[in-house]
Amino acid sequence: MADNKDMRDARDRSKINAGESYELSYIEEKLGVSRQQVEEAIKAVGNSREKVEEYLKKK
């Protein structure tokens, strides 16, 4: 099932869907990191946006 971009609620904001290029791009631009670093962070700490951002800020 396709992601409905018209529906905006807390569920979409708290997790990063690694299968959606635009979500990875957002984190890349926000934190100034590469896509590979974002993917590694997701593998290391899971897909929680908060944990991924925290992990990348420490690196």
C-alpha atoms as a PDB file:
ATOM      1  CA  MET A   1       0.000   0.000   0.000  1.00  0.00           C
ATOM      2  CA  ALA A   2       1.372   3.413  -0.941  1.00  0.00           C
ATOM      3  CA  ASP A   3       2.231   6.003   1.668  1.00  0.00           C
ATOM      4  CA  ASN A   4      -0.531   8.625   1.832  1.00  0.00           C
ATOM      5  CA  LYS A   5       1.306  11.949   2.034  1.00  0.00           C
ATOM      6  CA  ASP A   6      -1.955  13.801   2.722  1.00  0.00           C
ATOM      7  CA  MET A   7      -2.331  12.089   6.105  1.00  0.00           C
ATOM      8  CA  ARG A   8      -0.119  13.850   8.617  1.00  0.00           C
ATOM      9  CA  ASP A   9       0.004  12.718  12.193  1.00  0.00           C
ATOM     10  CA  ALA A  10       2.519  11.736  14.853  1.00  0.00           C
ATOM     11  CA  ARG A  11       2.889   8.202  13.520  1.00  0.00           C
ATOM     12  CA  ASP A  12       4.547   9.401  10.324  1.00  0.00           C
ATOM     13  CA  ARG A  13       6.884  11.766  12.144  1.00  0.00           C
ATOM     14  CA  SER A  14       8.226   9.416  14.800  1.00  0.00           C
ATOM     15  CA  LYS A  15       9.629   6.757  12.446  1.00  0.00           C
ATOM     16  CA  ILE A  16      11.848   6.822   9.362  1.00  0.00           C
ATOM     17  CA  ASN A  17      10.759   4.594   6.507  1.00  0.00           C
ATOM     18  CA  ALA A  18      14.082   3.547   4.954  1.00  0.00           C
ATOM     19  CA  GLY A  19      12.203   2.456   1.831  1.00  0.00           C
ATOM     20  CA  GLU A  20      11.130   6.035   1.096  1.00  0.00           C
ATOM     21  CA  SER A  21      13.883   8.065  -0.553  1.00  0.00           C
ATOM     22  CA  TYR A  22      12.351  11.413   0.450  1.00  0.00           C
ATOM     23  CA  GLU A  23      12.472  10.490   4.144  1.00  0.00           C
ATOM     24  CA  LEU A  24      16.155   9.610   3.935  1.00  0.00           C
ATOM     25  CA  SER A  25      16.842  12.796   1.958  1.00  0.00           C
ATOM     26  CA  TYR A  26      15.158  14.891   4.661  1.00  0.00           C
ATOM     27  CA  ILE A  27      17.448  13.501   7.368  1.00  0.00           C
ATOM     28  CA  GLU A  28      20.500  13.909   5.118  1.00  0.00           C
ATOM     29  CA  GLU A  29      19.751  17.582   4.520  1.00  0.00           C
ATOM     30  CA  LYS A  30      18.678  18.316   8.086  1.00  0.00           C
ATOM     31  CA  LEU A  31      21.851  16.907   9.651  1.00  0.00           C
ATOM     32  CA  GLY A  32      24.304  17.375   6.777  1.00  0.00           C
ATOM     33  CA  VAL A  33      25.204  13.684   6.511  1.00  0.00           C
ATOM     34  CA  SER A  34      25.359  11.164   3.685  1.00  0.00           C
ATOM     35  CA  ARG A  35      22.685   8.639   2.802  1.00  0.00           C
ATOM     36  CA  GLN A  36      25.066   5.851   3.800  1.00  0.00           C
ATOM     37  CA  GLN A  37      25.437   7.385   7.279  1.00  0.00           C
ATOM     38  CA  VAL A  38      21.649   7.582   7.651  1.00  0.00           C
ATOM     39  CA  GLU A  39      21.244   3.948   6.585  1.00  0.00           C
ATOM     40  CA  GLU A  40      23.986   2.852   8.999  1.00  0.00           C
ATOM     41  CA  ALA A  41      22.316   4.779  11.826  1.00  0.00           C
ATOM     42  CA  ILE A  42      18.981   3.056  11.102  1.00  0.00           C
ATOM     43  CA  LYS A  43      20.716  -0.327  11.221  1.00  0.00           C
ATOM     44  CA  ALA A  44      22.454   0.600  14.490  1.00  0.00           C
ATOM     45  CA  VAL A  45      19.547   2.100  16.473  1.00  0.00           C
ATOM     46  CA  GLY A  46      16.374   1.235  14.559  1.00  0.00           C
ATOM     47  CA  ASN A  47      13.993   3.500  12.655  1.00  0.00           C
ATOM     48  CA  SER A  48      13.030   5.896  15.456  1.00  0.00           C
ATOM     49  CA  ARG A  49      13.619   9.401  14.059  1.00  0.00           C
ATOM     50  CA  GLU A  50      14.685  10.690  17.483  1.00  0.00           C
ATOM     51  CA  LYS A  51      17.235   7.907  18.046  1.00  0.00           C
ATOM     52  CA  VAL A  52      18.651   8.179  14.521  1.00  0.00           C
ATOM     53  CA  GLU A  53      19.098  11.945  14.843  1.00  0.00           C
ATOM     54  CA  GLU A  54      20.695  11.562  18.277  1.00  0.00           C
ATOM     55  CA  TYR A  55      23.051   8.859  16.955  1.00  0.00           C
ATOM     56  CA  LEU A  56      24.115  10.971  13.971  1.00  0.00           C
ATOM     57  CA  LYS A  57      24.642  14.118  16.038  1.00  0.00           C
ATOM     58  CA  LYS A  58      27.058  12.215  18.296  1.00  0.00           C
ATOM     59  CA  LYS A  59      29.146  11.054  15.321  1.00  0.00           C
END
